[in-house]
Amino acid sequence: MPVLTIRLPDKILHEVVLKSKSLHVSKNAYIQKAINNLNDQINTDLKRSQLIKASQKVRLNSMEINNEFSIIENDSKI
């Protein structure tokens, strides 16, 4: 497994130490879990953003199609 060295402010490191001890896990395991949780949250946010964009495109197309149907329904010549 590759190794990554990071620098943390004292306040964050102190919190990592306290939290990892309270959870009875190593600092490494705690930080890995934190990174995994952040990655999951970012992926969820990206998917949500993509779904919103796709939904807005479909909504615009649906409104245009509904408008065309409305014109046809209200046309007395047809």
C-alpha atoms as a PDB file:
ATOM      1  CA  MET A   1       0.000   0.000   0.000  1.00  0.00           C
ATOM      2  CA  PRO A   2       1.402   3.433  -0.908  1.00  0.00           C
ATOM      3  CA  VAL A   3       2.359   5.830   1.864  1.00  0.00           C
ATOM      4  CA  LEU A   4       1.151   9.412   2.088  1.00  0.00           C
ATOM      5  CA  THR A   5       2.652  11.963   4.425  1.00  0.00           C
ATOM      6  CA  ILE A   6       0.483  14.905   5.423  1.00  0.00           C
ATOM      7  CA  ARG A   7       0.940  17.926   7.617  1.00  0.00           C
ATOM      8  CA  LEU A   8      -1.912  18.765   9.954  1.00  0.00           C
ATOM      9  CA  PRO A   9      -2.410  21.768  12.180  1.00  0.00           C
ATOM     10  CA  ASP A  10      -2.067  20.907  15.867  1.00  0.00           C
ATOM     11  CA  LYS A  11      -5.776  21.455  16.479  1.00  0.00           C
ATOM     12  CA  ILE A  12      -6.827  18.951  13.807  1.00  0.00           C
ATOM     13  CA  LEU A  13      -4.232  16.387  14.869  1.00  0.00           C
ATOM     14  CA  HIS A  14      -5.351  16.694  18.488  1.00  0.00           C
ATOM     15  CA  GLU A  15      -8.945  16.070  17.434  1.00  0.00           C
ATOM     16  CA  VAL A  16      -7.886  13.065  15.326  1.00  0.00           C
ATOM     17  CA  VAL A  17      -6.045  11.607  18.321  1.00  0.00           C
ATOM     18  CA  LEU A  18      -9.018  12.124  20.649  1.00  0.00           C
ATOM     19  CA  LYS A  19     -11.594  10.759  18.221  1.00  0.00           C
ATOM     20  CA  SER A  20      -9.533   7.751  17.188  1.00  0.00           C
ATOM     21  CA  LYS A  21      -8.934   6.829  20.844  1.00  0.00           C
ATOM     22  CA  SER A  22     -12.619   7.194  21.694  1.00  0.00           C
ATOM     23  CA  LEU A  23     -13.483   4.896  18.761  1.00  0.00           C
ATOM     24  CA  HIS A  24     -10.660   2.455  19.631  1.00  0.00           C
ATOM     25  CA  VAL A  25      -9.123   2.683  16.171  1.00  0.00           C
ATOM     26  CA  SER A  26      -5.726   3.814  14.980  1.00  0.00           C
ATOM     27  CA  LYS A  27      -5.188   7.354  13.742  1.00  0.00           C
ATOM     28  CA  ASN A  28      -4.517   5.872  10.326  1.00  0.00           C
ATOM     29  CA  ALA A  29      -7.836   3.966  10.315  1.00  0.00           C
ATOM     30  CA  TYR A  30      -9.670   7.072  11.506  1.00  0.00           C
ATOM     31  CA  ILE A  31      -8.170   9.246   8.768  1.00  0.00           C
ATOM     32  CA  GLN A  32      -8.853   6.590   6.106  1.00  0.00           C
ATOM     33  CA  LYS A  33     -12.483   6.444   7.207  1.00  0.00           C
ATOM     34  CA  ALA A  34     -12.729  10.241   7.143  1.00  0.00           C
ATOM     35  CA  ILE A  35     -11.310  10.371   3.618  1.00  0.00           C
ATOM     36  CA  ASN A  36     -13.649   7.596   2.453  1.00  0.00           C
ATOM     37  CA  ASN A  37     -16.630   9.416   3.959  1.00  0.00           C
ATOM     38  CA  LEU A  38     -15.630  12.666   2.253  1.00  0.00           C
ATOM     39  CA  ASN A  39     -15.120  10.884  -1.083  1.00  0.00           C
ATOM     40  CA  ASP A  40     -18.564   9.265  -0.755  1.00  0.00           C
ATOM     41  CA  GLN A  41     -20.143  12.642   0.024  1.00  0.00           C
ATOM     42  CA  ILE A  42     -18.416  14.316  -2.915  1.00  0.00           C
ATOM     43  CA  ASN A  43     -19.544  11.495  -5.249  1.00  0.00           C
ATOM     44  CA  THR A  44     -23.103  11.835  -3.969  1.00  0.00           C
ATOM     45  CA  ASP A  45     -23.017  15.605  -4.507  1.00  0.00           C
ATOM     46  CA  LEU A  46     -21.638  15.171  -8.043  1.00  0.00           C
ATOM     47  CA  LYS A  47     -24.335  12.630  -8.928  1.00  0.00           C
ATOM     48  CA  ARG A  48     -27.015  14.917  -7.491  1.00  0.00           C
ATOM     49  CA  SER A  49     -25.688  17.811  -9.560  1.00  0.00           C
ATOM     50  CA  GLN A  50     -25.642  15.697 -12.728  1.00  0.00           C
ATOM     51  CA  LEU A  51     -29.179  14.461 -12.075  1.00  0.00           C
ATOM     52  CA  ILE A  52     -30.411  18.008 -11.531  1.00  0.00           C
ATOM     53  CA  LYS A  53     -28.838  19.157 -14.815  1.00  0.00           C
ATOM     54  CA  ALA A  54     -30.321  16.200 -16.704  1.00  0.00           C
ATOM     55  CA  SER A  55     -33.707  16.770 -15.092  1.00  0.00           C
ATOM     56  CA  GLN A  56     -33.671  20.431 -16.105  1.00  0.00           C
ATOM     57  CA  LYS A  57     -32.926  19.480 -19.724  1.00  0.00           C
ATOM     58  CA  VAL A  58     -35.740  16.921 -19.760  1.00  0.00           C
ATOM     59  CA  ARG A  59     -38.073  19.410 -18.090  1.00  0.00           C
ATOM     60  CA  LEU A  60     -37.388  22.017 -20.787  1.00  0.00           C
ATOM     61  CA  ASN A  61     -37.974  19.459 -23.554  1.00  0.00           C
ATOM     62  CA  SER A  62     -41.128  18.209 -21.847  1.00  0.00           C
ATOM     63  CA  MET A  63     -42.502  21.738 -21.594  1.00  0.00           C
ATOM     64  CA  GLU A  64     -41.844  22.315 -25.298  1.00  0.00           C
ATOM     65  CA  ILE A  65     -43.547  19.039 -26.234  1.00  0.00           C
ATOM     66  CA  ASN A  66     -46.512  19.773 -23.964  1.00  0.00           C
ATOM     67  CA  ASN A  67     -46.833  23.179 -25.608  1.00  0.00           C
ATOM     68  CA  GLU A  68     -46.901  21.549 -29.051  1.00  0.00           C
ATOM     69  CA  PHE A  69     -49.610  19.106 -27.908  1.00  0.00           C
ATOM     70  CA  SER A  70     -51.595  21.984 -26.456  1.00  0.00           C
ATOM     71  CA  ILE A  71     -51.482  23.826 -29.775  1.00  0.00           C
ATOM     72  CA  ILE A  72     -52.681  20.686 -31.584  1.00  0.00           C
ATOM     73  CA  GLU A  73     -55.456  20.036 -29.049  1.00  0.00           C
ATOM     74  CA  ASN A  74     -56.717  23.599 -29.307  1.00  0.00           C
ATOM     75  CA  ASP A  75     -56.532  23.793 -33.124  1.00  0.00           C
ATOM     76  CA  SER A  76     -60.093  23.581 -34.435  1.00  0.00           C
ATOM     77  CA  LYS A  77     -58.870  22.840 -37.966  1.00  0.00           C
ATOM     78  CA  ILE A  78     -57.554  19.411 -36.981  1.00  0.00           C
END
